[in-house]
PDB file of N, CA and C in Angstrom:
ATOM      1  N   MET A   1      98.729  97.955  61.824  1.00  0.00           N
ATOM      2  CA  MET A   1      97.776  96.839  61.654  1.00  0.00           C
ATOM      3  C   MET A   1      97.541  96.451  60.036  1.00  0.00           C
ATOM      4  N   SER A   2      97.056  95.168  59.919  1.00  0.00           N
ATOM      5  CA  SER A   2      97.045  94.587  58.901  1.00  0.00           C
ATOM      6  C   SER A   2      95.971  95.150  57.864  1.00  0.00           C
ATOM      7  N   GLU A   3      96.305  95.420  56.671  1.00  0.00           N
ATOM      8  CA  GLU A   3      95.404  96.187  55.730  1.00  0.00           C
ATOM      9  C   GLU A   3      94.264  95.394  55.047  1.00  0.00           C
ATOM     10  N   ARG A   4      94.205  93.798  55.758  1.00  0.00           N
ATOM     11  CA  ARG A   4      93.480  93.009  55.021  1.00  0.00           C
ATOM     12  C   ARG A   4      91.932  93.310  55.867  1.00  0.00           C
ATOM     13  N   THR A   5      92.055  93.892  57.041  1.00  0.00           N
ATOM     14  CA  THR A   5      90.702  93.917  57.667  1.00  0.00           C
ATOM     15  C   THR A   5      90.229  95.206  57.967  1.00  0.00           C
ATOM     16  N   SER A   6      89.100  95.599  57.734  1.00  0.00           N
ATOM     17  CA  SER A   6      88.823  97.216  57.543  1.00  0.00           C
ATOM     18  C   SER A   6      87.981  97.224  59.041  1.00  0.00           C
ATOM     19  N   ALA A   7      87.924  96.309  59.696  1.00  0.00           N
ATOM     20  CA  ALA A   7      87.486  96.162  61.134  1.00  0.00           C
ATOM     21  C   ALA A   7      88.077  97.339  62.005  1.00  0.00           C
ATOM     22  N   SER A   8      87.204  98.070  62.673  1.00  0.00           N
ATOM     23  CA  SER A   8      87.862  98.803  63.940  1.00  0.00           C
ATOM     24  C   SER A   8      89.103  98.369  65.249  1.00  0.00           C
ATOM     25  N   HIS A   9      89.724  98.845  65.707  1.00  0.00           N
ATOM     26  CA  HIS A   9      89.918  97.968  67.068  1.00  0.00           C
ATOM     27  C   HIS A   9      88.967  97.798  67.850  1.00  0.00           C
ATOM     28  N   PHE A  10      88.229  98.713  68.017  1.00  0.00           N
ATOM     29  CA  PHE A  10      86.885  98.773  68.890  1.00  0.00           C
ATOM     30  C   PHE A  10      85.910  97.704  68.386  1.00  0.00           C
ATOM     31  N   GLU A  11      85.895  97.232  67.126  1.00  0.00           N
ATOM     32  CA  GLU A  11      85.263  95.875  66.802  1.00  0.00           C
ATOM     33  C   GLU A  11      85.928  95.038  66.886  1.00  0.00           C
ATOM     34  N   LEU A  12      87.226  94.777  66.763  1.00  0.00           N
ATOM     35  CA  LEU A  12      88.188  93.484  67.206  1.00  0.00           C
ATOM     36  C   LEU A  12      88.118  93.184  68.448  1.00  0.00           C
ATOM     37  N   LEU A  13      87.834  94.239  69.516  1.00  0.00           N
ATOM     38  CA  LEU A  13      87.944  94.166  70.851  1.00  0.00           C
ATOM     39  C   LEU A  13      86.633  93.301  71.626  1.00  0.00           C
ATOM     40  N   GLY A  14      85.565  93.400  70.416  1.00  0.00           N
ATOM     41  CA  GLY A  14      84.682  92.802  71.083  1.00  0.00           C
ATOM     42  C   GLY A  14      83.323  94.110  71.354  1.00  0.00           C
ATOM     43  N   GLY A  15      83.414  95.347  70.881  1.00  0.00           N
ATOM     44  CA  GLY A  15      82.660  96.264  71.022  1.00  0.00           C
ATOM     45  C   GLY A  15      82.793  96.503  72.281  1.00  0.00           C
ATOM     46  N   GLU A  16      81.881  97.390  72.563  1.00  0.00           N
ATOM     47  CA  GLU A  16      82.009  97.885  74.411  1.00  0.00           C
ATOM     48  C   GLU A  16      81.515  96.549  75.548  1.00  0.00           C
ATOM     49  N   PRO A  17      81.028  95.710  74.784  1.00  0.00           N
ATOM     50  CA  PRO A  17      81.299  94.267  76.140  1.00  0.00           C
ATOM     51  C   PRO A  17      82.437  93.735  76.050  1.00  0.00           C
ATOM     52  N   GLY A  18      83.221  93.830  75.144  1.00  0.00           N
ATOM     53  CA  GLY A  18      84.874  93.498  75.116  1.00  0.00           C
ATOM     54  C   GLY A  18      85.387  94.511  76.073  1.00  0.00           C
ATOM     55  N   ILE A  19      85.568  95.507  75.570  1.00  0.00           N
ATOM     56  CA  ILE A  19      86.343  96.715  75.825  1.00  0.00           C
ATOM     57  C   ILE A  19      85.887  97.202  77.746  1.00  0.00           C
ATOM     58  N   ARG A  20      84.426  96.544  77.880  1.00  0.00           N
ATOM     59  CA  ARG A  20      84.123  96.323  79.280  1.00  0.00           C
ATOM     60  C   ARG A  20      85.009  95.307  80.185  1.00  0.00           C
ATOM     61  N   ALA A  21      84.610  94.441  79.421  1.00  0.00           N
ATOM     62  CA  ALA A  21      85.540  92.923  79.810  1.00  0.00           C
ATOM     63  C   ALA A  21      87.082  93.238  79.906  1.00  0.00           C
ATOM     64  N   LEU A  22      87.526  94.047  79.133  1.00  0.00           N
ATOM     65  CA  LEU A  22      89.198  94.200  79.347  1.00  0.00           C
ATOM     66  C   LEU A  22      89.415  95.487  80.665  1.00  0.00           C
ATOM     67  N   VAL A  23      88.822  96.533  80.645  1.00  0.00           N
ATOM     68  CA  VAL A  23      88.707  97.471  81.573  1.00  0.00           C
ATOM     69  C   VAL A  23      88.239  96.742  83.031  1.00  0.00           C
ATOM     70  N   ASP A  24      87.242  95.806  83.219  1.00  0.00           N
ATOM     71  CA  ASP A  24      87.270  95.118  84.444  1.00  0.00           C
ATOM     72  C   ASP A  24      88.493  94.650  85.007  1.00  0.00           C
ATOM     73  N   ARG A  25      89.092  93.653  83.848  1.00  0.00           N
ATOM     74  CA  ARG A  25      90.115  92.913  84.239  1.00  0.00           C
ATOM     75  C   ARG A  25      91.423  93.589  84.530  1.00  0.00           C
ATOM     76  N   PHE A  26      91.710  94.741  84.011  1.00  0.00           N
ATOM     77  CA  PHE A  26      92.513  95.794  84.571  1.00  0.00           C
ATOM     78  C   PHE A  26      92.454  96.498  85.826  1.00  0.00           C
ATOM     79  N   TYR A  27      91.158  96.431  86.086  1.00  0.00           N
ATOM     80  CA  TYR A  27      90.978  97.393  87.284  1.00  0.00           C
ATOM     81  C   TYR A  27      90.859  96.167  88.542  1.00  0.00           C
ATOM     82  N   ASP A  28      90.408  94.723  88.382  1.00  0.00           N
ATOM     83  CA  ASP A  28      90.486  93.773  89.064  1.00  0.00           C
ATOM     84  C   ASP A  28      91.639  93.315  89.322  1.00  0.00           C
ATOM     85  N   LEU A  29      92.583  93.493  88.497  1.00  0.00           N
ATOM     86  CA  LEU A  29      94.257  93.260  88.773  1.00  0.00           C
ATOM     87  C   LEU A  29      94.729  94.439  89.824  1.00  0.00           C
ATOM     88  N   MET A  30      94.611  95.778  89.161  1.00  0.00           N
ATOM     89  CA  MET A  30      95.037  96.808  89.923  1.00  0.00           C
ATOM     90  C   MET A  30      94.492  96.761  91.446  1.00  0.00           C
ATOM     91  N   ASP A  31      93.268  96.356  91.611  1.00  0.00           N
ATOM     92  CA  ASP A  31      92.743  96.080  92.938  1.00  0.00           C
ATOM     93  C   ASP A  31      93.393  95.024  93.740  1.00  0.00           C
ATOM     94  N   GLU A  32      93.653  93.707  92.821  1.00  0.00           N
ATOM     95  CA  GLU A  32      93.833  92.582  93.962  1.00  0.00           C
ATOM     96  C   GLU A  32      95.892  92.661  94.156  1.00  0.00           C
ATOM     97  N   ALA A  33      96.610  92.727  92.723  1.00  0.00           N
ATOM     98  CA  ALA A  33      97.814  92.472  93.106  1.00  0.00           C
ATOM     99  C   ALA A  33      98.707  93.380  93.763  1.00  0.00           C
ATOM    100  N   PRO A  34      99.898  92.861  94.193  1.00  0.00           N
ATOM    101  CA  PRO A  34     100.562  93.395  94.991  1.00  0.00           C
ATOM    102  C   PRO A  34     101.356  94.238  93.902  1.00  0.00           C
ATOM    103  N   GLU A  35     101.421  93.828  92.953  1.00  0.00           N
ATOM    104  CA  GLU A  35     102.495  94.691  92.310  1.00  0.00           C
ATOM    105  C   GLU A  35     101.778  95.979  91.486  1.00  0.00           C
ATOM    106  N   ALA A  36     100.651  96.117  92.106  1.00  0.00           N
ATOM    107  CA  ALA A  36      99.937  97.546  91.469  1.00  0.00           C
ATOM    108  C   ALA A  36      99.570  98.166  92.745  1.00  0.00           C
ATOM    109  N   ALA A  37     100.073  97.873  93.916  1.00  0.00           N
ATOM    110  CA  ALA A  37      99.704  98.705  95.516  1.00  0.00           C
ATOM    111  C   ALA A  37     100.083 100.337  95.020  1.00  0.00           C
ATOM    112  N   GLY A  38     100.939 100.723  94.397  1.00  0.00           N
ATOM    113  CA  GLY A  38     101.255 102.056  94.587  1.00  0.00           C
ATOM    114  C   GLY A  38     100.159 102.623  93.317  1.00  0.00           C
ATOM    115  N   ILE A  39      99.464 102.211  92.371  1.00  0.00           N
ATOM    116  CA  ILE A  39      98.908 103.086  91.323  1.00  0.00           C
ATOM    117  C   ILE A  39      97.490 102.731  91.970  1.00  0.00           C
ATOM    118  N   ARG A  40      97.584 101.680  92.503  1.00  0.00           N
ATOM    119  CA  ARG A  40      95.954 101.538  92.936  1.00  0.00           C
ATOM    120  C   ARG A  40      95.774 102.837  94.315  1.00  0.00           C
ATOM    121  N   ALA A  41      96.990 102.906  94.900  1.00  0.00           N
ATOM    122  CA  ALA A  41      96.721 103.960  96.012  1.00  0.00           C
ATOM    123  C   ALA A  41      96.342 104.996  95.649  1.00  0.00           C
ATOM    124  N   LEU A  42      96.543 105.606  94.581  1.00  0.00           N
ATOM    125  CA  LEU A  42      96.264 107.177  93.958  1.00  0.00           C
ATOM    126  C   LEU A  42      94.825 106.870  93.301  1.00  0.00           C
ATOM    127  N   HIS A  43      93.742 105.742  93.678  1.00  0.00           N
ATOM    128  CA  HIS A  43      92.888 105.949  92.883  1.00  0.00           C
ATOM    129  C   HIS A  43      92.077 105.511  94.104  1.00  0.00           C
ATOM    130  N   PRO A  44      90.543 106.191  93.627  1.00  0.00           N
ATOM    131  CA  PRO A  44      89.565 106.260  95.326  1.00  0.00           C
ATOM    132  C   PRO A  44      89.066 104.733  95.403  1.00  0.00           C
ATOM    133  N   PRO A  45      88.763 104.658  96.925  1.00  0.00           N
ATOM    134  CA  PRO A  45      88.255 103.379  97.215  1.00  0.00           C
ATOM    135  C   PRO A  45      86.935 102.472  96.469  1.00  0.00           C
ATOM    136  N   ASP A  46      86.491 103.370  95.753  1.00  0.00           N
ATOM    137  CA  ASP A  46      85.725 102.343  94.694  1.00  0.00           C
ATOM    138  C   ASP A  46      86.004 103.025  93.294  1.00  0.00           C
ATOM    139  N   LEU A  47      86.106 101.771  92.775  1.00  0.00           N
ATOM    140  CA  LEU A  47      86.564 102.112  91.712  1.00  0.00           C
ATOM    141  C   LEU A  47      85.527 102.040  90.429  1.00  0.00           C
ATOM    142  N   GLU A  48      84.332 101.905  90.709  1.00  0.00           N
ATOM    143  CA  GLU A  48      83.346 102.294  89.779  1.00  0.00           C
ATOM    144  C   GLU A  48      83.569 103.542  88.943  1.00  0.00           C
ATOM    145  N   SER A  49      83.860 104.565  89.365  1.00  0.00           N
ATOM    146  CA  SER A  49      84.072 105.653  88.614  1.00  0.00           C
ATOM    147  C   SER A  49      84.833 105.723  87.581  1.00  0.00           C
ATOM    148  N   SER A  50      86.097 105.093  88.179  1.00  0.00           N
ATOM    149  CA  SER A  50      87.456 105.256  87.158  1.00  0.00           C
ATOM    150  C   SER A  50      87.150 103.980  86.150  1.00  0.00           C
ATOM    151  N   ARG A  51      86.786 103.158  86.564  1.00  0.00           N
ATOM    152  CA  ARG A  51      86.316 101.488  85.382  1.00  0.00           C
ATOM    153  C   ARG A  51      85.185 102.201  84.458  1.00  0.00           C
ATOM    154  N   GLU A  52      84.006 103.171  84.747  1.00  0.00           N
ATOM    155  CA  GLU A  52      83.628 104.098  83.883  1.00  0.00           C
ATOM    156  C   GLU A  52      84.009 104.736  83.095  1.00  0.00           C
ATOM    157  N   LYS A  53      85.300 105.459  83.473  1.00  0.00           N
ATOM    158  CA  LYS A  53      85.657 106.449  82.634  1.00  0.00           C
ATOM    159  C   LYS A  53      86.490 105.878  81.355  1.00  0.00           C
ATOM    160  N   LEU A  54      87.377 105.344  82.123  1.00  0.00           N
ATOM    161  CA  LEU A  54      88.215 104.156  81.243  1.00  0.00           C
ATOM    162  C   LEU A  54      87.266 103.674  80.272  1.00  0.00           C
ATOM    163  N   LEU A  55      86.425 102.863  80.501  1.00  0.00           N
ATOM    164  CA  LEU A  55      85.334 102.204  79.395  1.00  0.00           C
ATOM    165  C   LEU A  55      85.006 103.368  78.098  1.00  0.00           C
ATOM    166  N   LEU A  56      84.600 104.264  79.256  1.00  0.00           N
ATOM    167  CA  LEU A  56      84.158 105.382  77.698  1.00  0.00           C
ATOM    168  C   LEU A  56      85.293 106.022  76.772  1.00  0.00           C
ATOM    169  N   PHE A  57      86.675 106.098  77.696  1.00  0.00           N
ATOM    170  CA  PHE A  57      87.661 106.763  76.859  1.00  0.00           C
ATOM    171  C   PHE A  57      88.050 105.537  75.845  1.00  0.00           C
ATOM    172  N   LEU A  58      88.150 104.384  76.148  1.00  0.00           N
ATOM    173  CA  LEU A  58      88.638 103.691  75.247  1.00  0.00           C
ATOM    174  C   LEU A  58      87.511 102.923  73.865  1.00  0.00           C
ATOM    175  N   VAL A  59      86.453 102.873  74.355  1.00  0.00           N
ATOM    176  CA  VAL A  59      85.284 103.135  73.337  1.00  0.00           C
ATOM    177  C   VAL A  59      85.787 103.657  72.177  1.00  0.00           C
ATOM    178  N   GLY A  60      85.833 105.056  72.297  1.00  0.00           N
ATOM    179  CA  GLY A  60      86.377 105.928  71.605  1.00  0.00           C
ATOM    180  C   GLY A  60      87.681 105.817  70.973  1.00  0.00           C
ATOM    181  N   TRP A  61      88.574 105.783  71.823  1.00  0.00           N
ATOM    182  CA  TRP A  61      90.033 105.379  71.500  1.00  0.00           C
ATOM    183  C   TRP A  61      90.340 104.428  70.522  1.00  0.00           C
ATOM    184  N   THR A  62      89.478 103.660  70.599  1.00  0.00           N
ATOM    185  CA  THR A  62      89.606 102.309  69.654  1.00  0.00           C
ATOM    186  C   THR A  62      89.083 102.318  68.234  1.00  0.00           C
ATOM    187  N   GLY A  63      88.059 103.219  68.107  1.00  0.00           N
ATOM    188  CA  GLY A  63      87.368 103.391  67.008  1.00  0.00           C
ATOM    189  C   GLY A  63      85.742 103.340  67.304  1.00  0.00           C
ATOM    190  N   GLY A  64      85.483 103.505  68.406  1.00  0.00           N
ATOM    191  CA  GLY A  64      83.687 103.431  68.659  1.00  0.00           C
ATOM    192  C   GLY A  64      83.370 104.817  68.912  1.00  0.00           C
ATOM    193  N   PRO A  65      82.117 104.679  69.174  1.00  0.00           N
ATOM    194  CA  PRO A  65      81.508 105.979  69.630  1.00  0.00           C
ATOM    195  C   PRO A  65      82.094 106.848  70.513  1.00  0.00           C
ATOM    196  N   PRO A  66      81.996 108.065  70.220  1.00  0.00           N
ATOM    197  CA  PRO A  66      83.025 109.013  71.294  1.00  0.00           C
ATOM    198  C   PRO A  66      82.151 109.451  72.524  1.00  0.00           C
ATOM    199  N   LEU A  67      82.029 108.395  73.406  1.00  0.00           N
ATOM    200  CA  LEU A  67      81.162 108.277  74.592  1.00  0.00           C
ATOM    201  C   LEU A  67      81.982 109.408  75.478  1.00  0.00           C
ATOM    202  N   TYR A  68      83.257 109.361  75.646  1.00  0.00           N
ATOM    203  CA  TYR A  68      83.894 109.895  76.810  1.00  0.00           C
ATOM    204  C   TYR A  68      83.736 111.457  76.464  1.00  0.00           C
ATOM    205  N   VAL A  69      83.868 111.848  74.954  1.00  0.00           N
ATOM    206  CA  VAL A  69      84.022 113.036  74.936  1.00  0.00           C
ATOM    207  C   VAL A  69      82.573 113.515  74.667  1.00  0.00           C
ATOM    208  N   GLU A  70      81.374 112.983  74.479  1.00  0.00           N
ATOM    209  CA  GLU A  70      80.167 113.646  74.738  1.00  0.00           C
ATOM    210  C   GLU A  70      79.852 113.708  75.877  1.00  0.00           C
ATOM    211  N   ARG A  71      80.367 113.162  77.583  1.00  0.00           N
ATOM    212  CA  ARG A  71      79.721 113.132  78.389  1.00  0.00           C
ATOM    213  C   ARG A  71      80.756 113.674  79.416  1.00  0.00           C
ATOM    214  N   HIS A  72      81.943 114.082  78.972  1.00  0.00           N
ATOM    215  CA  HIS A  72      83.266 114.759  79.954  1.00  0.00           C
ATOM    216  C   HIS A  72      83.787 115.754  78.876  1.00  0.00           C
ATOM    217  N   GLY A  73      83.559 115.698  77.834  1.00  0.00           N
ATOM    218  CA  GLY A  73      84.189 116.597  77.052  1.00  0.00           C
ATOM    219  C   GLY A  73      85.569 116.299  76.787  1.00  0.00           C
ATOM    220  N   HIS A  74      86.634 116.850  76.107  1.00  0.00           N
ATOM    221  CA  HIS A  74      88.106 116.314  75.683  1.00  0.00           C
ATOM    222  C   HIS A  74      88.467 115.751  76.776  1.00  0.00           C
ATOM    223  N   PRO A  75      89.320 114.552  76.321  1.00  0.00           N
ATOM    224  CA  PRO A  75      89.669 113.791  77.171  1.00  0.00           C
ATOM    225  C   PRO A  75      91.031 114.531  78.310  1.00  0.00           C
ATOM    226  N   MET A  76      91.869 115.197  77.366  1.00  0.00           N
ATOM    227  CA  MET A  76      92.970 116.356  78.153  1.00  0.00           C
ATOM    228  C   MET A  76      93.570 115.268  79.007  1.00  0.00           C
ATOM    229  N   LEU A  77      94.297 114.000  78.868  1.00  0.00           N
ATOM    230  CA  LEU A  77      94.624 113.133  79.339  1.00  0.00           C
ATOM    231  C   LEU A  77      95.761 113.315  80.171  1.00  0.00           C
ATOM    232  N   ARG A  78      96.561 114.258  79.807  1.00  0.00           N
ATOM    233  CA  ARG A  78      98.037 114.659  80.973  1.00  0.00           C
ATOM    234  C   ARG A  78      97.240 115.611  81.885  1.00  0.00           C
ATOM    235  N   ALA A  79      96.824 116.566  81.142  1.00  0.00           N
ATOM    236  CA  ALA A  79      95.950 117.833  82.570  1.00  0.00           C
ATOM    237  C   ALA A  79      95.124 117.175  83.352  1.00  0.00           C
ATOM    238  N   ARG A  80      94.418 115.899  83.245  1.00  0.00           N
ATOM    239  CA  ARG A  80      93.645 115.462  83.937  1.00  0.00           C
ATOM    240  C   ARG A  80      94.098 114.430  84.813  1.00  0.00           C
ATOM    241  N   HIS A  81      95.421 114.303  84.913  1.00  0.00           N
ATOM    242  CA  HIS A  81      96.287 113.487  85.389  1.00  0.00           C
ATOM    243  C   HIS A  81      97.354 114.256  85.983  1.00  0.00           C
ATOM    244  N   LEU A  82      97.507 115.240  86.012  1.00  0.00           N
ATOM    245  CA  LEU A  82      98.130 116.218  86.472  1.00  0.00           C
ATOM    246  C   LEU A  82      98.339 116.485  87.800  1.00  0.00           C
ATOM    247  N   PRO A  83      97.102 116.185  88.921  1.00  0.00           N
ATOM    248  CA  PRO A  83      97.161 116.512  90.169  1.00  0.00           C
ATOM    249  C   PRO A  83      97.688 114.995  90.780  1.00  0.00           C
ATOM    250  N   PHE A  84      97.834 114.007  90.445  1.00  0.00           N
ATOM    251  CA  PHE A  84      98.414 112.546  90.566  1.00  0.00           C
ATOM    252  C   PHE A  84      99.737 112.587  90.618  1.00  0.00           C
ATOM    253  N   PRO A  85     101.069 112.383  91.353  1.00  0.00           N
ATOM    254  CA  PRO A  85     101.992 111.724  91.374  1.00  0.00           C
ATOM    255  C   PRO A  85     102.162 110.662  90.423  1.00  0.00           C
ATOM    256  N   ILE A  86     102.633 111.093  88.871  1.00  0.00           N
ATOM    257  CA  ILE A  86     103.000 109.684  88.442  1.00  0.00           C
ATOM    258  C   ILE A  86     104.595 109.604  88.159  1.00  0.00           C
ATOM    259  N   GLY A  87     105.084 108.802  88.460  1.00  0.00           N
ATOM    260  CA  GLY A  87     106.546 108.405  88.077  1.00  0.00           C
ATOM    261  C   GLY A  87     106.722 107.295  87.280  1.00  0.00           C
ATOM    262  N   ASP A  88     107.808 106.938  87.298  1.00  0.00           N
ATOM    263  CA  ASP A  88     108.228 105.729  86.489  1.00  0.00           C
ATOM    264  C   ASP A  88     107.538 104.745  86.988  1.00  0.00           C
ATOM    265  N   ALA A  89     107.647 104.539  88.555  1.00  0.00           N
ATOM    266  CA  ALA A  89     106.859 103.350  89.308  1.00  0.00           C
ATOM    267  C   ALA A  89     105.130 103.029  88.913  1.00  0.00           C
ATOM    268  N   GLU A  90     104.863 104.244  89.014  1.00  0.00           N
ATOM    269  CA  GLU A  90     103.241 104.441  88.798  1.00  0.00           C
ATOM    270  C   GLU A  90     103.128 104.058  87.346  1.00  0.00           C
ATOM    271  N   ARG A  91     103.822 104.343  86.363  1.00  0.00           N
ATOM    272  CA  ARG A  91     103.990 104.189  84.852  1.00  0.00           C
ATOM    273  C   ARG A  91     103.706 102.743  84.987  1.00  0.00           C
ATOM    274  N   ASP A  92     104.765 102.109  85.544  1.00  0.00           N
ATOM    275  CA  ASP A  92     105.205 100.555  85.149  1.00  0.00           C
ATOM    276  C   ASP A  92     104.003  99.427  85.797  1.00  0.00           C
ATOM    277  N   GLU A  93     103.515 100.214  86.933  1.00  0.00           N
ATOM    278  CA  GLU A  93     102.057  99.544  87.679  1.00  0.00           C
ATOM    279  C   GLU A  93     101.271  99.555  86.654  1.00  0.00           C
ATOM    280  N   TRP A  94     100.864 100.608  86.132  1.00  0.00           N
ATOM    281  CA  TRP A  94      99.734 100.689  85.020  1.00  0.00           C
ATOM    282  C   TRP A  94      99.859 100.039  83.963  1.00  0.00           C
ATOM    283  N   LEU A  95     101.189  99.893  83.500  1.00  0.00           N
ATOM    284  CA  LEU A  95     101.179  98.972  82.391  1.00  0.00           C
ATOM    285  C   LEU A  95     101.253  97.626  82.636  1.00  0.00           C
ATOM    286  N   TRP A  96     101.495  97.112  84.104  1.00  0.00           N
ATOM    287  CA  TRP A  96     101.514  96.035  84.365  1.00  0.00           C
ATOM    288  C   TRP A  96     100.391  95.277  84.215  1.00  0.00           C
ATOM    289  N   CYS A  97      99.416  96.038  85.193  1.00  0.00           N
ATOM    290  CA  CYS A  97      98.074  95.697  84.799  1.00  0.00           C
ATOM    291  C   CYS A  97      97.418  95.501  83.382  1.00  0.00           C
ATOM    292  N   MET A  98      97.401  96.728  82.627  1.00  0.00           N
ATOM    293  CA  MET A  98      97.014  96.642  81.062  1.00  0.00           C
ATOM    294  C   MET A  98      98.008  95.499  80.754  1.00  0.00           C
ATOM    295  N   ASP A  99      98.873  95.074  80.655  1.00  0.00           N
ATOM    296  CA  ASP A  99      99.493  94.257  79.790  1.00  0.00           C
ATOM    297  C   ASP A  99      98.996  92.901  80.177  1.00  0.00           C
ATOM    298  N   ARG A 100      98.767  92.643  81.161  1.00  0.00           N
ATOM    299  CA  ARG A 100      98.266  91.224  81.719  1.00  0.00           C
ATOM    300  C   ARG A 100      96.933  91.257  81.617  1.00  0.00           C
ATOM    301  N   ALA A 101      95.852  92.206  81.438  1.00  0.00           N
ATOM    302  CA  ALA A 101      94.441  92.307  80.854  1.00  0.00           C
ATOM    303  C   ALA A 101      94.423  91.999  79.457  1.00  0.00           C
ATOM    304  N   LEU A 102      95.263  92.980  78.532  1.00  0.00           N
ATOM    305  CA  LEU A 102      95.417  92.525  77.281  1.00  0.00           C
ATOM    306  C   LEU A 102      96.105  91.044  76.888  1.00  0.00           C
ATOM    307  N   ASP A 103      96.606  90.621  77.831  1.00  0.00           N
ATOM    308  CA  ASP A 103      96.852  89.160  77.226  1.00  0.00           C
ATOM    309  C   ASP A 103      95.772  88.141  77.604  1.00  0.00           C
ATOM    310  N   GLU A 104      95.269  88.220  78.643  1.00  0.00           N
ATOM    311  CA  GLU A 104      94.155  87.542  78.839  1.00  0.00           C
ATOM    312  C   GLU A 104      92.632  87.774  77.720  1.00  0.00           C
ATOM    313  N   HIS A 105      92.880  88.823  77.264  1.00  0.00           N
ATOM    314  CA  HIS A 105      91.683  89.214  76.034  1.00  0.00           C
ATOM    315  C   HIS A 105      91.845  88.396  75.016  1.00  0.00           C
ATOM    316  N   GLU A 106      90.993  88.019  74.405  1.00  0.00           N
ATOM    317  CA  GLU A 106      90.653  87.542  73.279  1.00  0.00           C
ATOM    318  C   GLU A 106      91.095  88.355  71.893  1.00  0.00           C
ATOM    319  N   MET A 107      92.030  88.511  71.129  1.00  0.00           N
ATOM    320  CA  MET A 107      92.608  89.090  70.315  1.00  0.00           C
ATOM    321  C   MET A 107      93.748  88.244  69.277  1.00  0.00           C
ATOM    322  N   GLU A 108      94.051  89.229  68.315  1.00  0.00           N
ATOM    323  CA  GLU A 108      94.822  88.597  67.366  1.00  0.00           C
ATOM    324  C   GLU A 108      96.491  89.305  67.775  1.00  0.00           C
ATOM    325  N   ASP A 109      97.418  88.400  68.001  1.00  0.00           N
ATOM    326  CA  ASP A 109      98.546  88.993  68.654  1.00  0.00           C
ATOM    327  C   ASP A 109      98.858  89.987  68.009  1.00  0.00           C
ATOM    328  N   GLU A 110      98.643  90.392  66.516  1.00  0.00           N
ATOM    329  CA  GLU A 110      99.112  91.740  65.640  1.00  0.00           C
ATOM    330  C   GLU A 110      98.581  92.864  66.504  1.00  0.00           C
ATOM    331  N   LEU A 111      97.324  92.796  67.125  1.00  0.00           N
ATOM    332  CA  LEU A 111      96.215  94.288  67.600  1.00  0.00           C
ATOM    333  C   LEU A 111      96.989  93.829  69.163  1.00  0.00           C
ATOM    334  N   ARG A 112      97.348  92.923  69.987  1.00  0.00           N
ATOM    335  CA  ARG A 112      97.601  92.852  71.160  1.00  0.00           C
ATOM    336  C   ARG A 112      99.067  93.710  71.513  1.00  0.00           C
ATOM    337  N   SER A 113      99.916  93.282  70.415  1.00  0.00           N
ATOM    338  CA  SER A 113     101.241  93.952  70.236  1.00  0.00           C
ATOM    339  C   SER A 113     100.881  95.439  70.111  1.00  0.00           C
ATOM    340  N   TYR A 114     100.338  95.993  69.200  1.00  0.00           N
ATOM    341  CA  TYR A 114     100.082  97.221  68.863  1.00  0.00           C
ATOM    342  C   TYR A 114      99.347  97.823  70.119  1.00  0.00           C
ATOM    343  N   LEU A 115      98.795  97.266  70.555  1.00  0.00           N
ATOM    344  CA  LEU A 115      97.919  98.000  72.027  1.00  0.00           C
ATOM    345  C   LEU A 115      98.608  98.300  72.955  1.00  0.00           C
ATOM    346  N   LYS A 116      99.551  97.406  73.230  1.00  0.00           N
ATOM    347  CA  LYS A 116     100.452  97.134  74.255  1.00  0.00           C
ATOM    348  C   LYS A 116     101.732  98.529  73.732  1.00  0.00           C
ATOM    349  N   GLN A 117     102.032  98.681  72.537  1.00  0.00           N
ATOM    350  CA  GLN A 117     102.722  99.920  72.064  1.00  0.00           C
ATOM    351  C   GLN A 117     102.317 101.120  72.403  1.00  0.00           C
ATOM    352  N   ARG A 118     100.949 101.195  71.839  1.00  0.00           N
ATOM    353  CA  ARG A 118     100.105 102.397  72.109  1.00  0.00           C
ATOM    354  C   ARG A 118     100.034 102.793  73.740  1.00  0.00           C
ATOM    355  N   PHE A 119      99.251 101.601  74.516  1.00  0.00           N
ATOM    356  CA  PHE A 119      99.363 102.114  75.900  1.00  0.00           C
ATOM    357  C   PHE A 119     100.657 102.649  76.660  1.00  0.00           C
ATOM    358  N   ALA A 120     101.616 102.112  76.173  1.00  0.00           N
ATOM    359  CA  ALA A 120     103.146 102.248  76.765  1.00  0.00           C
ATOM    360  C   ALA A 120     103.775 103.696  76.217  1.00  0.00           C
ATOM    361  N   ALA A 121     103.153 104.170  75.164  1.00  0.00           N
ATOM    362  CA  ALA A 121     103.424 105.417  74.776  1.00  0.00           C
ATOM    363  C   ALA A 121     102.420 106.638  76.014  1.00  0.00           C
ATOM    364  N   VAL A 122     101.320 106.098  75.745  1.00  0.00           N
ATOM    365  CA  VAL A 122     100.539 107.043  76.679  1.00  0.00           C
ATOM    366  C   VAL A 122     100.691 107.407  78.047  1.00  0.00           C
ATOM    367  N   ALA A 123     100.981 105.866  78.656  1.00  0.00           N
ATOM    368  CA  ALA A 123     101.291 105.748  80.027  1.00  0.00           C
ATOM    369  C   ALA A 123     102.552 106.891  80.338  1.00  0.00           C
ATOM    370  N   ASP A 124     103.813 106.522  79.276  1.00  0.00           N
ATOM    371  CA  ASP A 124     104.535 107.219  79.342  1.00  0.00           C
ATOM    372  C   ASP A 124     104.428 108.589  79.347  1.00  0.00           C
ATOM    373  N   HIS A 125     103.754 109.301  78.339  1.00  0.00           N
ATOM    374  CA  HIS A 125     103.455 110.521  78.407  1.00  0.00           C
ATOM    375  C   HIS A 125     102.870 111.312  79.745  1.00  0.00           C
ATOM    376  N   MET A 126     101.938 110.349  80.826  1.00  0.00           N
ATOM    377  CA  MET A 126     101.522 110.532  81.910  1.00  0.00           C
ATOM    378  C   MET A 126     102.358 110.659  82.871  1.00  0.00           C
ATOM    379  N   ARG A 127     103.210 110.673  82.995  1.00  0.00           N
ATOM    380  CA  ARG A 127     104.821 110.702  83.947  1.00  0.00           C
ATOM    381  C   ARG A 127     104.808 112.423  84.066  1.00  0.00           C
ATOM    382  N   ASN A 128     104.577 112.571  85.694  1.00  0.00           N
ATOM    383  CA  ASN A 128     104.760 113.897  85.763  1.00  0.00           C
ATOM    384  C   ASN A 128     105.483 114.247  86.837  1.00  0.00           C
ATOM    385  N   ARG A 129     106.648 113.111  87.532  1.00  0.00           N
ATOM    386  CA  ARG A 129     107.467 113.360  88.214  1.00  0.00           C
ATOM    387  C   ARG A 129     108.793 112.686  87.847  1.00  0.00           C
TER     388      ARG A 129
END
């Protein structure tokens, strides 16, 4: 990211309301798009808990308050995802949703590109099949 600004990614994304909008769009896409049917099937019928956990995680991950850690402890992302069969297809579907949500969210292109790279690395790390 540019050294011109000292704002955190959390702030650049619009704080908690901005991240909530990103998370809501991500899960709306997952819930509605045929391109995400495989990853959607790994989630519970009601996505509210999933939405809340991703929101809490992303708030801290982007430099805001560590809400996820305060409520659930260390994220241990890989360990928490091990019960779910995640292969290339599931990773790609998750990223399909996140990339589109990022594309629709107001932010600088440099930040969008950086976040897409970071999400791709995390999603790839979640693969267990």
